[in-house]
Amino acid sequence: MRMRQNFRDKLKAVSSMEEKVTVRELKSEELNASIKITRSLEELKAALGLKKWPIIIEGFDISNISGYESVGSMVRFHNGVPDKTTIENSR
């Protein structure tokens, strides 16, 4: 009898929750982008011999113009997505 009462209490608690859970369908473009990122990270992991996917990837490019002007830039990816808040250009 006690077990039934606990179950009823839990059922009432769940049914009275004010939080709602929403389910969103992924658009095919979002799904394709996610699959592409996953594959790319998996390929990079294999190519570099890593145990896990890289979380943060930073790339640097430094160019010299006639040996006098140096220009550098950095781009950063977080979980395979460009992190546009950290793009830097320097002279």
N, C-alpha and C. Protein backbone atom coordinates (compact mmCIF):
# COMPACT_ATOMS: atom_id res chain seq x y z
N MET A 1 0.81 -1.19 0.00
CA MET A 1 0.00 0.00 0.00
C MET A 1 0.86 1.26 0.00
N ARG A 2 1.93 1.23 0.76
CA ARG A 2 2.84 2.39 0.86
C ARG A 2 3.47 2.69 -0.50
N MET A 3 3.79 1.64 -1.27
CA MET A 3 4.41 1.81 -2.57
C MET A 3 3.46 2.56 -3.52
N ARG A 4 2.17 2.22 -3.45
CA ARG A 4 1.18 2.90 -4.31
C ARG A 4 1.08 4.38 -3.95
N GLN A 5 1.13 4.67 -2.66
CA GLN A 5 1.04 6.06 -2.21
C GLN A 5 2.24 6.86 -2.72
N ASN A 6 3.46 6.28 -2.64
CA ASN A 6 4.65 6.96 -3.14
C ASN A 6 4.53 7.22 -4.64
N PHE A 7 4.04 6.23 -5.35
CA PHE A 7 3.88 6.37 -6.79
C PHE A 7 2.88 7.49 -7.11
N ARG A 8 1.77 7.53 -6.38
CA ARG A 8 0.76 8.57 -6.59
C ARG A 8 1.33 9.95 -6.28
N ASP A 9 2.11 10.04 -5.20
CA ASP A 9 2.72 11.32 -4.85
C ASP A 9 3.66 11.80 -5.95
N LYS A 10 4.45 10.88 -6.46
CA LYS A 10 5.37 11.23 -7.54
C LYS A 10 4.62 11.62 -8.80
N LEU A 11 3.56 10.91 -9.11
CA LEU A 11 2.76 11.21 -10.28
C LEU A 11 2.12 12.59 -10.17
N LYS A 12 1.62 12.92 -9.00
CA LYS A 12 1.04 14.25 -8.77
C LYS A 12 2.10 15.34 -8.91
N ALA A 13 3.27 15.06 -8.37
CA ALA A 13 4.36 16.04 -8.45
C ALA A 13 4.76 16.31 -9.90
N VAL A 14 4.84 15.25 -10.68
CA VAL A 14 5.21 15.40 -12.08
C VAL A 14 4.12 16.15 -12.84
N SER A 15 2.88 15.81 -12.59
CA SER A 15 1.78 16.45 -13.32
C SER A 15 1.60 17.91 -12.92
N SER A 16 2.05 18.29 -11.73
CA SER A 16 1.88 19.67 -11.28
C SER A 16 3.10 20.55 -11.59
N MET A 17 4.11 19.99 -12.22
CA MET A 17 5.30 20.79 -12.55
C MET A 17 4.92 21.91 -13.51
N GLU A 18 5.45 23.08 -13.25
CA GLU A 18 5.15 24.21 -14.12
C GLU A 18 6.14 24.29 -15.29
N GLU A 19 7.26 23.61 -15.17
CA GLU A 19 8.24 23.64 -16.25
C GLU A 19 7.71 22.80 -17.40
N LYS A 20 7.93 23.31 -18.58
CA LYS A 20 7.50 22.59 -19.77
C LYS A 20 8.73 22.23 -20.58
N VAL A 21 8.69 21.08 -21.14
CA VAL A 21 9.78 20.62 -21.99
C VAL A 21 9.31 20.77 -23.42
N THR A 22 10.14 21.42 -24.23
CA THR A 22 9.79 21.58 -25.63
C THR A 22 10.75 20.77 -26.48
N VAL A 23 10.23 20.23 -27.53
CA VAL A 23 11.03 19.46 -28.47
C VAL A 23 11.07 20.26 -29.77
N ARG A 24 12.27 20.43 -30.28
CA ARG A 24 12.45 21.21 -31.49
C ARG A 24 13.01 20.31 -32.57
N GLU A 25 12.43 20.38 -33.73
CA GLU A 25 12.95 19.61 -34.84
C GLU A 25 14.15 20.32 -35.43
N LEU A 26 15.18 19.56 -35.74
CA LEU A 26 16.35 20.14 -36.39
C LEU A 26 16.05 20.32 -37.87
N LYS A 27 16.44 21.47 -38.38
CA LYS A 27 16.33 21.68 -39.81
C LYS A 27 17.42 20.87 -40.48
N SER A 28 17.19 20.49 -41.71
CA SER A 28 18.17 19.65 -42.41
C SER A 28 19.52 20.36 -42.53
N GLU A 29 19.51 21.70 -42.68
CA GLU A 29 20.78 22.44 -42.77
C GLU A 29 21.55 22.35 -41.46
N GLU A 30 20.84 22.47 -40.33
CA GLU A 30 21.49 22.38 -39.02
C GLU A 30 22.06 20.98 -38.80
N LEU A 31 21.30 19.98 -39.18
CA LEU A 31 21.76 18.60 -39.02
C LEU A 31 22.98 18.33 -39.89
N ASN A 32 22.94 18.78 -41.15
CA ASN A 32 24.08 18.59 -42.05
C ASN A 32 25.32 19.31 -41.53
N ALA A 33 25.16 20.52 -41.01
CA ALA A 33 26.29 21.27 -40.46
C ALA A 33 26.88 20.55 -39.25
N SER A 34 26.02 20.01 -38.40
CA SER A 34 26.49 19.28 -37.22
C SER A 34 27.25 18.02 -37.62
N ILE A 35 26.74 17.31 -38.61
CA ILE A 35 27.41 16.09 -39.09
C ILE A 35 28.76 16.43 -39.70
N LYS A 36 28.81 17.53 -40.45
CA LYS A 36 30.07 17.95 -41.08
C LYS A 36 31.12 18.30 -40.03
N ILE A 37 30.71 19.02 -38.99
CA ILE A 37 31.63 19.38 -37.91
C ILE A 37 32.14 18.13 -37.20
N THR A 38 31.22 17.21 -36.91
CA THR A 38 31.60 15.97 -36.24
C THR A 38 32.61 15.18 -37.06
N ARG A 39 32.36 15.05 -38.34
CA ARG A 39 33.30 14.32 -39.21
C ARG A 39 34.65 15.01 -39.28
N SER A 40 34.64 16.33 -39.39
CA SER A 40 35.90 17.08 -39.46
C SER A 40 36.72 16.91 -38.19
N LEU A 41 36.07 17.01 -37.04
CA LEU A 41 36.78 16.84 -35.77
C LEU A 41 37.31 15.42 -35.63
N GLU A 42 36.56 14.45 -36.10
CA GLU A 42 37.01 13.06 -36.04
C GLU A 42 38.23 12.85 -36.94
N GLU A 43 38.21 13.43 -38.14
CA GLU A 43 39.36 13.33 -39.05
C GLU A 43 40.59 14.01 -38.46
N LEU A 44 40.40 15.18 -37.86
CA LEU A 44 41.52 15.89 -37.24
C LEU A 44 42.10 15.11 -36.07
N LYS A 45 41.23 14.52 -35.27
CA LYS A 45 41.67 13.68 -34.15
C LYS A 45 42.54 12.52 -34.65
N ALA A 46 42.08 11.86 -35.72
CA ALA A 46 42.83 10.73 -36.27
C ALA A 46 44.15 11.19 -36.88
N ALA A 47 44.12 12.30 -37.61
CA ALA A 47 45.34 12.79 -38.28
C ALA A 47 46.42 13.19 -37.28
N LEU A 48 46.00 13.75 -36.14
CA LEU A 48 46.97 14.20 -35.14
C LEU A 48 47.26 13.16 -34.07
N GLY A 49 46.57 12.02 -34.13
CA GLY A 49 46.78 10.97 -33.15
C GLY A 49 46.30 11.34 -31.76
N LEU A 50 45.21 12.08 -31.68
CA LEU A 50 44.67 12.50 -30.38
C LEU A 50 43.72 11.44 -29.84
N LYS A 51 43.57 11.42 -28.51
CA LYS A 51 42.64 10.48 -27.88
C LYS A 51 41.21 11.02 -27.93
N LYS A 52 41.08 12.35 -27.90
CA LYS A 52 39.76 13.00 -27.91
C LYS A 52 39.75 14.07 -28.99
N TRP A 53 38.55 14.54 -29.31
CA TRP A 53 38.43 15.63 -30.27
C TRP A 53 39.08 16.89 -29.70
N PRO A 54 39.67 17.71 -30.55
CA PRO A 54 40.20 18.99 -30.06
C PRO A 54 39.05 19.93 -29.71
N ILE A 55 39.14 20.55 -28.56
CA ILE A 55 38.10 21.48 -28.11
C ILE A 55 38.36 22.86 -28.70
N ILE A 56 39.60 23.33 -28.58
CA ILE A 56 39.96 24.66 -29.08
C ILE A 56 41.06 24.51 -30.12
N ILE A 57 40.85 25.14 -31.26
CA ILE A 57 41.84 25.15 -32.34
C ILE A 57 42.14 26.61 -32.66
N GLU A 58 43.42 26.98 -32.65
CA GLU A 58 43.82 28.34 -32.99
C GLU A 58 44.76 28.29 -34.18
N GLY A 59 44.53 29.18 -35.12
CA GLY A 59 45.37 29.27 -36.31
C GLY A 59 45.95 30.67 -36.42
N PHE A 60 47.23 30.73 -36.80
CA PHE A 60 47.92 32.00 -36.93
C PHE A 60 48.47 32.14 -38.34
N ASP A 61 48.44 33.37 -38.86
CA ASP A 61 49.01 33.66 -40.16
C ASP A 61 49.79 34.96 -40.04
N ILE A 62 51.08 34.89 -40.34
CA ILE A 62 51.93 36.08 -40.29
C ILE A 62 52.51 36.29 -41.67
N SER A 63 52.31 37.49 -42.22
CA SER A 63 52.80 37.82 -43.54
C SER A 63 53.74 39.01 -43.47
N ASN A 64 54.73 39.01 -44.34
CA ASN A 64 55.67 40.12 -44.45
C ASN A 64 55.55 40.73 -45.84
N ILE A 65 55.47 42.05 -45.87
CA ILE A 65 55.40 42.75 -47.14
C ILE A 65 56.73 43.45 -47.36
N SER A 66 57.48 43.00 -48.34
CA SER A 66 58.79 43.56 -48.68
C SER A 66 59.76 43.56 -47.51
N GLY A 67 59.53 42.72 -46.55
CA GLY A 67 60.43 42.61 -45.41
C GLY A 67 60.29 43.72 -44.39
N TYR A 68 59.39 44.66 -44.61
CA TYR A 68 59.25 45.80 -43.70
C TYR A 68 57.96 45.75 -42.89
N GLU A 69 56.89 45.47 -43.54
CA GLU A 69 55.59 45.45 -42.87
C GLU A 69 55.20 44.03 -42.52
N SER A 70 54.97 43.79 -41.25
CA SER A 70 54.50 42.48 -40.81
C SER A 70 53.05 42.60 -40.38
N VAL A 71 52.25 41.66 -40.83
CA VAL A 71 50.83 41.63 -40.47
C VAL A 71 50.53 40.22 -39.98
N GLY A 72 49.84 40.13 -38.87
CA GLY A 72 49.48 38.82 -38.34
C GLY A 72 48.00 38.75 -38.01
N SER A 73 47.46 37.55 -38.09
CA SER A 73 46.07 37.36 -37.72
C SER A 73 45.91 36.01 -37.02
N MET A 74 44.88 35.92 -36.20
CA MET A 74 44.61 34.68 -35.49
C MET A 74 43.12 34.38 -35.59
N VAL A 75 42.79 33.12 -35.78
CA VAL A 75 41.40 32.69 -35.79
C VAL A 75 41.29 31.53 -34.81
N ARG A 76 40.13 31.41 -34.16
CA ARG A 76 39.94 30.39 -33.13
C ARG A 76 38.64 29.64 -33.39
N PHE A 77 38.69 28.33 -33.18
CA PHE A 77 37.50 27.49 -33.29
C PHE A 77 37.26 26.84 -31.93
N HIS A 78 36.01 26.81 -31.52
CA HIS A 78 35.63 26.15 -30.27
C HIS A 78 34.62 25.07 -30.62
N ASN A 79 34.96 23.82 -30.35
CA ASN A 79 34.12 22.67 -30.71
C ASN A 79 33.79 22.65 -32.19
N GLY A 80 34.76 23.04 -33.01
CA GLY A 80 34.60 22.98 -34.46
C GLY A 80 33.85 24.13 -35.07
N VAL A 81 33.45 25.11 -34.27
CA VAL A 81 32.71 26.25 -34.77
C VAL A 81 33.57 27.50 -34.60
N PRO A 82 33.63 28.37 -35.64
CA PRO A 82 34.45 29.59 -35.50
C PRO A 82 33.99 30.44 -34.32
N ASP A 83 34.96 30.86 -33.52
CA ASP A 83 34.70 31.73 -32.37
C ASP A 83 35.03 33.15 -32.82
N LYS A 84 34.05 33.85 -33.32
CA LYS A 84 34.28 35.16 -33.93
C LYS A 84 34.57 36.25 -32.91
N THR A 85 34.41 35.95 -31.63
CA THR A 85 34.71 36.95 -30.61
C THR A 85 36.21 37.09 -30.38
N THR A 86 37.01 36.15 -30.88
CA THR A 86 38.45 36.19 -30.62
C THR A 86 39.29 36.42 -31.86
N ILE A 87 38.67 36.82 -32.98
CA ILE A 87 39.45 37.09 -34.19
C ILE A 87 40.31 38.32 -33.95
N GLU A 88 41.59 38.20 -34.24
CA GLU A 88 42.52 39.31 -34.02
C GLU A 88 43.37 39.55 -35.25
N ASN A 89 43.59 40.81 -35.53
CA ASN A 89 44.53 41.23 -36.57
C ASN A 89 45.53 42.16 -35.93
N SER A 90 46.79 42.01 -36.24
CA SER A 90 47.83 42.84 -35.63
C SER A 90 48.78 43.35 -36.69
N ARG A 91 49.35 44.51 -36.45
CA ARG A 91 50.39 45.07 -37.32
C ARG A 91 51.63 45.32 -36.52
